[in-house]
N, C-alpha and C. Protein backbone atom coordinates (compact mmCIF):
# COMPACT_ATOMS: atom_id res chain seq x y z
N MET A 1 -33.20 -25.22 -41.39
CA MET A 1 -32.06 -25.34 -40.54
C MET A 1 -31.89 -24.02 -39.79
N SER A 2 -31.74 -24.08 -38.48
CA SER A 2 -31.56 -22.86 -37.70
C SER A 2 -30.09 -22.47 -37.68
N PRO A 3 -29.84 -21.16 -37.60
CA PRO A 3 -28.45 -20.71 -37.59
C PRO A 3 -27.75 -21.19 -36.32
N VAL A 4 -26.49 -21.39 -36.43
CA VAL A 4 -25.68 -21.78 -35.27
C VAL A 4 -25.35 -20.52 -34.49
N THR A 5 -25.59 -20.57 -33.24
CA THR A 5 -25.27 -19.41 -32.41
C THR A 5 -24.10 -19.79 -31.51
N TYR A 6 -23.33 -18.80 -31.24
CA TYR A 6 -22.17 -19.02 -30.38
C TYR A 6 -22.42 -18.33 -29.05
N ALA A 7 -22.25 -19.06 -28.01
CA ALA A 7 -22.33 -18.48 -26.67
C ALA A 7 -21.09 -18.92 -25.92
N PRO A 8 -20.28 -18.00 -25.51
CA PRO A 8 -19.08 -18.40 -24.79
C PRO A 8 -19.44 -19.10 -23.49
N ALA A 9 -18.59 -19.98 -23.06
CA ALA A 9 -18.80 -20.68 -21.79
C ALA A 9 -18.84 -19.65 -20.67
N PRO A 10 -19.66 -19.89 -19.67
CA PRO A 10 -19.69 -18.95 -18.55
C PRO A 10 -18.32 -18.93 -17.86
N THR A 11 -17.94 -17.79 -17.45
CA THR A 11 -16.66 -17.68 -16.76
C THR A 11 -16.85 -17.04 -15.40
N TYR A 12 -16.08 -17.46 -14.48
CA TYR A 12 -15.99 -16.84 -13.18
C TYR A 12 -14.62 -17.14 -12.63
N ARG A 13 -14.19 -16.30 -11.76
CA ARG A 13 -12.92 -16.53 -11.11
C ARG A 13 -13.21 -17.11 -9.74
N PRO A 14 -12.75 -18.33 -9.46
CA PRO A 14 -13.02 -18.89 -8.14
C PRO A 14 -12.33 -18.07 -7.05
N LEU A 15 -12.88 -18.16 -5.87
CA LEU A 15 -12.30 -17.45 -4.74
C LEU A 15 -10.94 -18.04 -4.38
N SER A 16 -10.14 -17.22 -3.75
CA SER A 16 -8.90 -17.71 -3.16
C SER A 16 -9.27 -18.69 -2.05
N PRO A 17 -8.34 -19.56 -1.62
CA PRO A 17 -8.66 -20.47 -0.51
C PRO A 17 -8.82 -19.76 0.82
N THR A 18 -8.33 -18.51 0.87
CA THR A 18 -8.54 -17.67 2.04
C THR A 18 -9.09 -16.33 1.57
N LEU A 19 -9.82 -15.70 2.45
CA LEU A 19 -10.44 -14.41 2.15
C LEU A 19 -9.88 -13.42 3.16
N GLY A 20 -9.27 -12.35 2.70
CA GLY A 20 -8.71 -11.37 3.61
C GLY A 20 -8.19 -10.16 2.86
N PRO A 21 -7.61 -9.19 3.56
CA PRO A 21 -7.13 -7.98 2.90
C PRO A 21 -6.01 -8.26 1.90
N HIS A 22 -5.35 -9.40 2.06
CA HIS A 22 -4.23 -9.80 1.21
C HIS A 22 -4.67 -10.63 0.01
N SER A 23 -5.90 -11.14 0.02
CA SER A 23 -6.38 -11.99 -1.07
C SER A 23 -6.86 -11.13 -2.23
N LEU A 24 -7.19 -11.76 -3.34
CA LEU A 24 -7.68 -11.02 -4.51
C LEU A 24 -8.97 -10.27 -4.22
N GLU A 25 -9.70 -10.71 -3.20
CA GLU A 25 -10.98 -10.09 -2.86
C GLU A 25 -10.84 -8.96 -1.85
N GLY A 26 -9.63 -8.70 -1.38
CA GLY A 26 -9.45 -7.78 -0.27
C GLY A 26 -9.09 -6.36 -0.64
N SER A 27 -9.16 -5.49 0.35
CA SER A 27 -8.96 -4.05 0.14
C SER A 27 -7.53 -3.70 -0.24
N LEU A 28 -6.55 -4.42 0.28
CA LEU A 28 -5.17 -4.08 -0.07
C LEU A 28 -4.87 -4.42 -1.52
N THR A 29 -5.38 -5.55 -1.99
CA THR A 29 -5.17 -5.92 -3.38
C THR A 29 -5.91 -4.96 -4.30
N GLN A 30 -7.11 -4.57 -3.90
CA GLN A 30 -7.88 -3.61 -4.70
C GLN A 30 -7.13 -2.29 -4.79
N ALA A 31 -6.34 -1.97 -3.77
CA ALA A 31 -5.61 -0.70 -3.74
C ALA A 31 -4.31 -0.77 -4.52
N GLY A 32 -3.97 -1.91 -5.03
CA GLY A 32 -2.72 -2.05 -5.77
C GLY A 32 -1.81 -3.02 -5.07
N GLY A 33 -2.08 -4.29 -5.26
CA GLY A 33 -1.44 -5.36 -4.52
C GLY A 33 0.07 -5.39 -4.59
N ASN A 34 0.68 -4.86 -5.64
CA ASN A 34 2.12 -4.91 -5.71
C ASN A 34 2.78 -3.82 -4.90
N ASN A 35 2.00 -2.88 -4.42
CA ASN A 35 2.56 -1.78 -3.64
C ASN A 35 2.31 -2.02 -2.15
N LEU A 36 2.75 -3.19 -1.68
CA LEU A 36 2.55 -3.56 -0.30
C LEU A 36 3.87 -3.94 0.32
N SER A 37 4.00 -3.66 1.60
CA SER A 37 5.18 -4.11 2.31
C SER A 37 4.73 -4.82 3.58
N PHE A 38 5.52 -5.78 4.02
CA PHE A 38 5.23 -6.48 5.26
C PHE A 38 6.01 -5.83 6.39
N ASN A 39 5.38 -5.69 7.53
CA ASN A 39 6.07 -5.32 8.75
C ASN A 39 5.99 -6.57 9.62
N ALA A 40 7.11 -7.08 10.03
CA ALA A 40 7.13 -8.35 10.74
C ALA A 40 6.25 -8.35 11.98
N SER A 41 6.22 -7.25 12.71
CA SER A 41 5.51 -7.25 13.96
C SER A 41 5.22 -5.82 14.38
N ALA A 42 3.98 -5.56 14.77
CA ALA A 42 3.61 -4.21 15.22
C ALA A 42 2.58 -4.34 16.33
N VAL A 43 2.65 -3.45 17.32
CA VAL A 43 1.70 -3.51 18.43
C VAL A 43 0.32 -3.06 17.98
N TRP A 44 -0.68 -3.61 18.64
CA TRP A 44 -2.08 -3.23 18.36
C TRP A 44 -2.24 -1.75 18.70
N PRO A 45 -2.89 -0.98 17.82
CA PRO A 45 -2.91 0.49 17.96
C PRO A 45 -3.60 1.03 19.22
N SER A 46 -4.66 0.36 19.70
CA SER A 46 -5.41 0.90 20.83
C SER A 46 -6.16 -0.24 21.51
N ALA A 47 -6.07 -0.31 22.83
CA ALA A 47 -6.74 -1.39 23.56
C ALA A 47 -8.24 -1.40 23.27
N ASN A 48 -8.77 -2.59 23.06
CA ASN A 48 -10.20 -2.85 22.82
C ASN A 48 -10.71 -2.34 21.48
N MET A 49 -9.83 -1.86 20.61
CA MET A 49 -10.25 -1.37 19.30
C MET A 49 -10.47 -2.55 18.34
N ALA A 50 -11.46 -2.40 17.48
CA ALA A 50 -11.70 -3.36 16.40
C ALA A 50 -11.35 -2.70 15.07
N ILE A 51 -10.78 -3.49 14.17
CA ILE A 51 -10.50 -3.03 12.81
C ILE A 51 -11.32 -3.90 11.86
N TYR A 52 -12.10 -3.26 11.00
CA TYR A 52 -12.96 -3.94 10.03
C TYR A 52 -12.35 -3.77 8.65
N GLN A 53 -12.14 -4.89 7.93
CA GLN A 53 -11.52 -4.85 6.61
C GLN A 53 -12.47 -5.47 5.58
N PRO A 54 -12.77 -4.74 4.50
CA PRO A 54 -13.73 -5.25 3.53
C PRO A 54 -13.16 -6.35 2.64
N VAL A 55 -14.02 -7.29 2.31
CA VAL A 55 -13.71 -8.31 1.30
C VAL A 55 -14.93 -8.48 0.43
N ILE A 56 -14.71 -8.78 -0.83
CA ILE A 56 -15.81 -8.97 -1.78
C ILE A 56 -15.87 -10.44 -2.15
N VAL A 57 -17.02 -11.05 -1.94
CA VAL A 57 -17.23 -12.45 -2.30
C VAL A 57 -17.89 -12.47 -3.67
N HIS A 58 -17.17 -13.02 -4.65
CA HIS A 58 -17.67 -13.10 -6.03
C HIS A 58 -18.42 -14.39 -6.31
N VAL A 59 -18.12 -15.42 -5.54
CA VAL A 59 -18.74 -16.73 -5.69
C VAL A 59 -19.11 -17.21 -4.30
N SER A 60 -20.34 -17.66 -4.10
CA SER A 60 -20.75 -18.08 -2.77
C SER A 60 -19.83 -19.18 -2.24
N THR A 61 -19.65 -19.19 -0.93
CA THR A 61 -18.71 -20.11 -0.31
C THR A 61 -19.07 -20.28 1.16
N THR A 62 -18.36 -21.14 1.84
CA THR A 62 -18.55 -21.35 3.27
C THR A 62 -17.23 -21.13 4.00
N VAL A 63 -17.29 -20.37 5.08
CA VAL A 63 -16.12 -20.12 5.92
C VAL A 63 -16.09 -21.18 7.02
N LEU A 64 -14.93 -21.83 7.19
CA LEU A 64 -14.77 -22.88 8.19
C LEU A 64 -14.00 -22.41 9.42
N GLN A 65 -13.00 -21.55 9.19
CA GLN A 65 -12.14 -21.06 10.26
C GLN A 65 -11.81 -19.60 10.01
N LEU A 66 -11.39 -18.94 11.06
CA LEU A 66 -10.85 -17.59 10.94
C LEU A 66 -9.42 -17.62 11.48
N ALA A 67 -8.59 -16.71 11.00
CA ALA A 67 -7.19 -16.71 11.41
C ALA A 67 -6.63 -15.30 11.38
N TRP A 68 -5.56 -15.10 12.12
CA TRP A 68 -4.79 -13.86 12.08
C TRP A 68 -3.33 -14.24 12.25
N ALA A 69 -2.45 -13.31 11.96
CA ALA A 69 -1.01 -13.58 12.07
C ALA A 69 -0.45 -12.88 13.31
N ASN A 70 -0.02 -13.68 14.29
CA ASN A 70 0.60 -13.13 15.49
C ASN A 70 1.98 -12.59 15.18
N GLY A 71 2.38 -11.58 15.92
CA GLY A 71 3.72 -11.03 15.79
C GLY A 71 4.66 -11.64 16.81
N ALA A 72 5.70 -10.91 17.16
CA ALA A 72 6.77 -11.42 18.03
C ALA A 72 6.38 -11.47 19.50
N THR A 73 5.35 -10.74 19.90
CA THR A 73 4.90 -10.75 21.30
C THR A 73 3.42 -11.08 21.33
N VAL A 74 3.05 -12.08 22.12
CA VAL A 74 1.64 -12.40 22.28
C VAL A 74 1.24 -12.09 23.72
N SER A 75 0.08 -11.50 23.86
CA SER A 75 -0.44 -11.20 25.21
C SER A 75 -1.92 -10.90 25.09
N GLY A 76 -2.65 -11.20 26.11
CA GLY A 76 -4.06 -10.85 26.14
C GLY A 76 -4.92 -11.69 25.22
N ASN A 77 -6.02 -11.10 24.82
CA ASN A 77 -7.05 -11.82 24.07
C ASN A 77 -7.42 -11.10 22.79
N VAL A 78 -7.89 -11.90 21.83
CA VAL A 78 -8.27 -11.44 20.50
C VAL A 78 -9.68 -11.95 20.22
N ASP A 79 -10.46 -11.20 19.48
CA ASP A 79 -11.74 -11.67 18.95
C ASP A 79 -11.73 -11.38 17.46
N VAL A 80 -12.09 -12.36 16.66
CA VAL A 80 -12.10 -12.23 15.21
C VAL A 80 -13.49 -12.63 14.73
N GLY A 81 -14.00 -11.93 13.69
CA GLY A 81 -15.34 -12.23 13.23
C GLY A 81 -15.59 -11.76 11.81
N VAL A 82 -16.80 -12.07 11.35
CA VAL A 82 -17.25 -11.68 10.02
C VAL A 82 -18.55 -10.89 10.19
N TYR A 83 -18.61 -9.74 9.49
CA TYR A 83 -19.79 -8.87 9.50
C TYR A 83 -20.33 -8.73 8.09
N ASP A 84 -21.65 -8.49 7.99
CA ASP A 84 -22.22 -8.21 6.67
C ASP A 84 -22.00 -6.73 6.35
N SER A 85 -22.52 -6.29 5.21
CA SER A 85 -22.27 -4.91 4.76
C SER A 85 -22.95 -3.86 5.64
N ALA A 86 -23.91 -4.28 6.47
CA ALA A 86 -24.57 -3.36 7.40
C ALA A 86 -23.93 -3.43 8.78
N PHE A 87 -22.80 -4.11 8.89
CA PHE A 87 -22.04 -4.28 10.13
C PHE A 87 -22.82 -5.05 11.19
N THR A 88 -23.58 -6.05 10.74
CA THR A 88 -24.20 -7.00 11.65
C THR A 88 -23.27 -8.20 11.74
N ARG A 89 -22.90 -8.56 12.96
CA ARG A 89 -21.99 -9.69 13.15
C ARG A 89 -22.67 -10.99 12.74
N LEU A 90 -22.00 -11.74 11.87
CA LEU A 90 -22.51 -13.03 11.42
C LEU A 90 -21.91 -14.17 12.23
N VAL A 91 -20.66 -14.01 12.63
CA VAL A 91 -19.98 -15.02 13.44
C VAL A 91 -18.76 -14.38 14.08
N SER A 92 -18.36 -14.87 15.23
CA SER A 92 -17.07 -14.47 15.82
C SER A 92 -16.53 -15.61 16.67
N SER A 93 -15.25 -15.52 16.95
CA SER A 93 -14.61 -16.57 17.74
C SER A 93 -14.89 -16.40 19.22
N GLY A 94 -15.26 -15.19 19.64
CA GLY A 94 -15.32 -14.90 21.06
C GLY A 94 -13.90 -14.64 21.54
N SER A 95 -13.76 -14.21 22.78
CA SER A 95 -12.45 -13.89 23.33
C SER A 95 -11.55 -15.12 23.30
N THR A 96 -10.40 -14.99 22.64
CA THR A 96 -9.47 -16.10 22.45
C THR A 96 -8.08 -15.64 22.86
N ALA A 97 -7.41 -16.42 23.71
CA ALA A 97 -6.05 -16.07 24.13
C ALA A 97 -5.12 -16.11 22.92
N GLN A 98 -4.34 -15.06 22.75
CA GLN A 98 -3.35 -15.03 21.68
C GLN A 98 -2.27 -16.06 22.03
N SER A 99 -1.90 -16.89 21.05
CA SER A 99 -0.98 -17.99 21.32
C SER A 99 -0.06 -18.26 20.14
N GLY A 100 1.24 -18.35 20.41
CA GLY A 100 2.21 -18.66 19.37
C GLY A 100 2.79 -17.40 18.76
N THR A 101 4.10 -17.22 18.88
CA THR A 101 4.73 -16.01 18.33
C THR A 101 5.12 -16.21 16.88
N SER A 102 4.91 -15.16 16.11
CA SER A 102 5.31 -15.09 14.70
C SER A 102 4.74 -16.23 13.86
N VAL A 103 3.50 -16.61 14.16
CA VAL A 103 2.81 -17.67 13.41
C VAL A 103 1.34 -17.29 13.24
N PRO A 104 0.69 -17.88 12.24
CA PRO A 104 -0.76 -17.68 12.14
C PRO A 104 -1.46 -18.43 13.28
N GLN A 105 -2.55 -17.86 13.75
CA GLN A 105 -3.37 -18.53 14.76
C GLN A 105 -4.75 -18.75 14.17
N PHE A 106 -5.21 -20.00 14.19
CA PHE A 106 -6.48 -20.39 13.61
C PHE A 106 -7.50 -20.67 14.70
N VAL A 107 -8.75 -20.30 14.46
CA VAL A 107 -9.84 -20.63 15.38
C VAL A 107 -10.99 -21.23 14.58
N ASN A 108 -11.58 -22.27 15.13
CA ASN A 108 -12.76 -22.86 14.51
C ASN A 108 -13.97 -22.01 14.85
N ILE A 109 -14.89 -21.93 13.90
CA ILE A 109 -16.14 -21.20 14.10
C ILE A 109 -17.28 -22.08 13.60
N THR A 110 -18.50 -21.70 13.90
CA THR A 110 -19.64 -22.34 13.28
C THR A 110 -19.56 -22.02 11.79
N ASP A 111 -19.65 -23.06 10.94
CA ASP A 111 -19.54 -22.84 9.50
C ASP A 111 -20.49 -21.72 9.08
N LEU A 112 -19.99 -20.83 8.23
CA LEU A 112 -20.74 -19.64 7.82
C LEU A 112 -20.83 -19.58 6.30
N TYR A 113 -22.03 -19.69 5.77
CA TYR A 113 -22.27 -19.56 4.33
C TYR A 113 -22.26 -18.09 3.96
N LEU A 114 -21.50 -17.73 2.94
CA LEU A 114 -21.48 -16.37 2.43
C LEU A 114 -21.97 -16.36 0.99
N ALA A 115 -23.02 -15.60 0.73
CA ALA A 115 -23.50 -15.39 -0.64
C ALA A 115 -22.62 -14.31 -1.28
N VAL A 116 -22.81 -14.08 -2.55
CA VAL A 116 -22.09 -13.02 -3.25
C VAL A 116 -22.40 -11.69 -2.56
N GLY A 117 -21.36 -10.90 -2.32
CA GLY A 117 -21.57 -9.60 -1.68
C GLY A 117 -20.32 -9.10 -0.99
N THR A 118 -20.49 -8.00 -0.26
CA THR A 118 -19.39 -7.39 0.50
C THR A 118 -19.55 -7.73 1.97
N TYR A 119 -18.45 -8.10 2.57
CA TYR A 119 -18.41 -8.46 3.99
C TYR A 119 -17.21 -7.76 4.62
N TYR A 120 -17.15 -7.80 5.94
CA TYR A 120 -16.02 -7.23 6.67
C TYR A 120 -15.45 -8.29 7.61
N LEU A 121 -14.13 -8.47 7.55
CA LEU A 121 -13.44 -9.28 8.54
C LEU A 121 -13.03 -8.33 9.65
N ALA A 122 -13.35 -8.68 10.88
CA ALA A 122 -13.06 -7.80 12.02
C ALA A 122 -12.09 -8.49 12.97
N LEU A 123 -11.18 -7.71 13.50
CA LEU A 123 -10.24 -8.21 14.50
C LEU A 123 -10.16 -7.17 15.61
N ALA A 124 -10.26 -7.63 16.86
CA ALA A 124 -10.15 -6.76 18.02
C ALA A 124 -9.18 -7.38 19.01
N CYS A 125 -8.48 -6.54 19.74
CA CYS A 125 -7.53 -6.99 20.75
C CYS A 125 -7.74 -6.18 22.02
N ASP A 126 -7.57 -6.82 23.18
CA ASP A 126 -7.88 -6.14 24.44
C ASP A 126 -6.71 -5.38 25.07
N ASN A 127 -5.58 -5.26 24.35
CA ASN A 127 -4.43 -4.57 24.93
C ASN A 127 -3.55 -3.96 23.84
N THR A 128 -2.50 -3.26 24.26
CA THR A 128 -1.59 -2.64 23.29
C THR A 128 -0.17 -3.20 23.39
N THR A 129 -0.02 -4.36 24.02
CA THR A 129 1.30 -4.99 24.04
C THR A 129 1.37 -6.17 23.08
N ALA A 130 0.22 -6.69 22.69
CA ALA A 130 0.18 -7.78 21.71
C ALA A 130 0.63 -7.26 20.35
N THR A 131 1.36 -8.09 19.62
CA THR A 131 1.80 -7.68 18.28
C THR A 131 1.19 -8.59 17.23
N PHE A 132 1.05 -8.02 16.04
CA PHE A 132 0.45 -8.72 14.91
C PHE A 132 1.27 -8.43 13.66
N VAL A 133 1.29 -9.38 12.75
CA VAL A 133 1.89 -9.11 11.44
C VAL A 133 0.88 -8.27 10.69
N ARG A 134 1.36 -7.24 10.05
CA ARG A 134 0.47 -6.37 9.29
C ARG A 134 1.03 -6.19 7.89
N ARG A 135 0.19 -5.74 7.01
CA ARG A 135 0.59 -5.45 5.64
C ARG A 135 0.24 -4.00 5.38
N THR A 136 1.16 -3.28 4.80
CA THR A 136 1.02 -1.83 4.69
C THR A 136 1.03 -1.38 3.24
N PRO A 137 0.00 -0.63 2.81
CA PRO A 137 0.05 -0.06 1.47
C PRO A 137 1.09 1.06 1.41
N THR A 138 1.76 1.16 0.30
CA THR A 138 2.76 2.21 0.13
C THR A 138 2.39 3.06 -1.08
N ALA A 139 3.16 4.09 -1.33
CA ALA A 139 2.90 4.99 -2.46
C ALA A 139 2.82 4.17 -3.74
N PRO A 140 2.01 4.55 -4.72
CA PRO A 140 1.27 5.81 -4.81
C PRO A 140 -0.13 5.75 -4.23
N PHE A 141 -0.50 4.68 -3.53
CA PHE A 141 -1.88 4.51 -3.08
C PHE A 141 -2.15 5.05 -1.70
N GLY A 142 -1.21 5.73 -1.10
CA GLY A 142 -1.42 6.28 0.23
C GLY A 142 -1.12 5.25 1.30
N ARG A 143 -1.27 5.64 2.53
CA ARG A 143 -0.92 4.78 3.65
C ARG A 143 -2.16 4.18 4.32
N THR A 144 -3.35 4.68 4.04
CA THR A 144 -4.55 4.15 4.66
C THR A 144 -5.25 3.20 3.70
N PRO A 145 -5.45 1.94 4.09
CA PRO A 145 -6.12 0.98 3.21
C PRO A 145 -7.53 1.42 2.85
N MET A 146 -7.95 1.08 1.65
CA MET A 146 -9.26 1.47 1.16
C MET A 146 -10.38 0.71 1.88
N GLY A 147 -11.37 1.42 2.34
CA GLY A 147 -12.57 0.79 2.87
C GLY A 147 -12.47 0.26 4.28
N ASN A 148 -11.34 0.43 4.96
CA ASN A 148 -11.22 -0.06 6.33
C ASN A 148 -11.96 0.87 7.29
N PHE A 149 -12.47 0.26 8.37
CA PHE A 149 -13.14 1.01 9.43
C PHE A 149 -12.54 0.58 10.76
N GLU A 150 -12.75 1.39 11.78
CA GLU A 150 -12.30 1.04 13.12
C GLU A 150 -13.40 1.41 14.10
N GLN A 151 -13.33 0.79 15.28
CA GLN A 151 -14.30 1.08 16.33
C GLN A 151 -13.61 0.97 17.68
N ALA A 152 -13.68 2.05 18.46
CA ALA A 152 -13.13 2.03 19.81
C ALA A 152 -14.06 1.22 20.72
N SER A 153 -13.54 0.71 21.79
CA SER A 153 -14.33 -0.03 22.79
C SER A 153 -15.18 -1.11 22.14
N ALA A 154 -14.55 -1.96 21.35
CA ALA A 154 -15.28 -3.01 20.63
C ALA A 154 -14.72 -4.39 20.93
N PHE A 155 -14.27 -4.61 22.15
CA PHE A 155 -13.83 -5.93 22.55
C PHE A 155 -14.71 -6.40 23.69
N ALA A 156 -15.32 -7.52 23.59
CA ALA A 156 -15.41 -8.45 22.47
C ALA A 156 -16.23 -7.81 21.35
N LEU A 157 -16.11 -8.39 20.14
CA LEU A 157 -16.79 -7.81 18.98
C LEU A 157 -18.29 -7.69 19.24
N PRO A 158 -18.88 -6.52 18.96
CA PRO A 158 -20.30 -6.30 19.22
C PRO A 158 -21.20 -6.98 18.20
N ALA A 159 -22.46 -7.22 18.59
CA ALA A 159 -23.43 -7.83 17.68
C ALA A 159 -23.67 -6.93 16.48
N THR A 160 -23.69 -5.63 16.70
CA THR A 160 -23.81 -4.66 15.62
C THR A 160 -22.66 -3.67 15.74
N GLY A 161 -21.85 -3.61 14.71
CA GLY A 161 -20.72 -2.69 14.72
C GLY A 161 -21.18 -1.27 14.42
N THR A 162 -20.51 -0.31 15.03
CA THR A 162 -20.75 1.11 14.74
C THR A 162 -19.39 1.76 14.45
N PRO A 163 -18.75 1.29 13.40
CA PRO A 163 -17.40 1.78 13.12
C PRO A 163 -17.40 3.16 12.48
N VAL A 164 -16.22 3.76 12.52
CA VAL A 164 -15.99 5.04 11.86
C VAL A 164 -14.90 4.83 10.82
N VAL A 165 -14.76 5.78 9.93
CA VAL A 165 -13.74 5.69 8.89
C VAL A 165 -12.38 5.48 9.54
N PHE A 166 -11.61 4.62 8.94
CA PHE A 166 -10.30 4.22 9.46
C PHE A 166 -9.37 5.42 9.57
N THR A 167 -8.88 5.69 10.78
CA THR A 167 -7.93 6.78 10.97
C THR A 167 -6.58 6.29 11.48
N THR A 168 -6.52 5.03 11.91
CA THR A 168 -5.27 4.46 12.39
C THR A 168 -4.49 4.00 11.17
N SER A 169 -3.97 4.98 10.44
CA SER A 169 -3.32 4.67 9.18
C SER A 169 -2.13 3.76 9.39
N ASN A 170 -1.84 3.00 8.36
CA ASN A 170 -0.65 2.18 8.35
C ASN A 170 -0.75 0.94 9.23
N PHE A 171 -1.97 0.49 9.57
CA PHE A 171 -2.10 -0.74 10.35
C PHE A 171 -3.22 -1.59 9.79
N THR A 172 -2.86 -2.59 9.02
CA THR A 172 -3.83 -3.55 8.49
C THR A 172 -3.37 -4.94 8.88
N PRO A 173 -3.96 -5.51 9.95
CA PRO A 173 -3.53 -6.83 10.39
C PRO A 173 -3.86 -7.90 9.36
N MET A 174 -3.04 -8.92 9.32
CA MET A 174 -3.28 -10.05 8.42
C MET A 174 -4.33 -10.95 9.07
N VAL A 175 -5.57 -10.82 8.62
CA VAL A 175 -6.68 -11.63 9.12
C VAL A 175 -7.28 -12.35 7.93
N SER A 176 -7.72 -13.60 8.12
CA SER A 176 -8.22 -14.40 7.01
C SER A 176 -9.42 -15.24 7.41
N ALA A 177 -10.24 -15.52 6.42
CA ALA A 177 -11.30 -16.51 6.55
C ALA A 177 -10.88 -17.70 5.70
N ILE A 178 -10.87 -18.89 6.30
CA ILE A 178 -10.46 -20.11 5.60
C ILE A 178 -11.73 -20.72 5.01
N LEU A 179 -11.70 -20.96 3.68
CA LEU A 179 -12.91 -21.34 2.96
C LEU A 179 -12.94 -22.80 2.58
N THR A 180 -14.16 -23.28 2.32
CA THR A 180 -14.34 -24.59 1.70
C THR A 180 -14.21 -24.41 0.20
N ALA A 181 -14.45 -25.49 -0.52
CA ALA A 181 -14.50 -25.38 -1.98
C ALA A 181 -15.64 -24.46 -2.35
N ASN A 182 -15.49 -23.76 -3.45
CA ASN A 182 -16.51 -22.81 -3.89
C ASN A 182 -17.83 -23.51 -4.18
N VAL A 183 -18.91 -22.80 -3.89
CA VAL A 183 -20.24 -23.28 -4.21
C VAL A 183 -20.72 -22.47 -5.38
N VAL A 184 -21.11 -23.10 -6.46
CA VAL A 184 -21.54 -22.37 -7.65
C VAL A 184 -23.02 -22.58 -7.85
């Protein structure tokens, strides 16, 4: 008779239904999710600038839509996309007119399969009068979100990003990737 061996059931934490800086996979949560405050509406920091926010995919999945949260004033155009860890653009919405005040705005994209790894959600705006809902880290974690990058003159989003370390402190727009059911 062979000995009985015990092997615990495999465990994994499924992804949130959205992937973004506010989700469990995002930079703000990694920085201490309870130390966050919402600012209802803030103007985009610099015309044509892109902000790249890291997310970690623990379980492969497919992205169906991308979204951001508009603030109280909408104007101009936005481009939202997903980049791999080498800042190669995997998908983007292309220039999209900002529409609807103080609501999320969703855009359909070509479905994008994401394997386990680190990715960046990017958002760019072509002006400084458009407003976005943002989420701000507060003490004790500092005011600059962990792992964020920015790039000047990046509207529409480039095929290959060349971002620099995030210096526009205190501005993390609410951007999300809307996912399908997890693929295991």
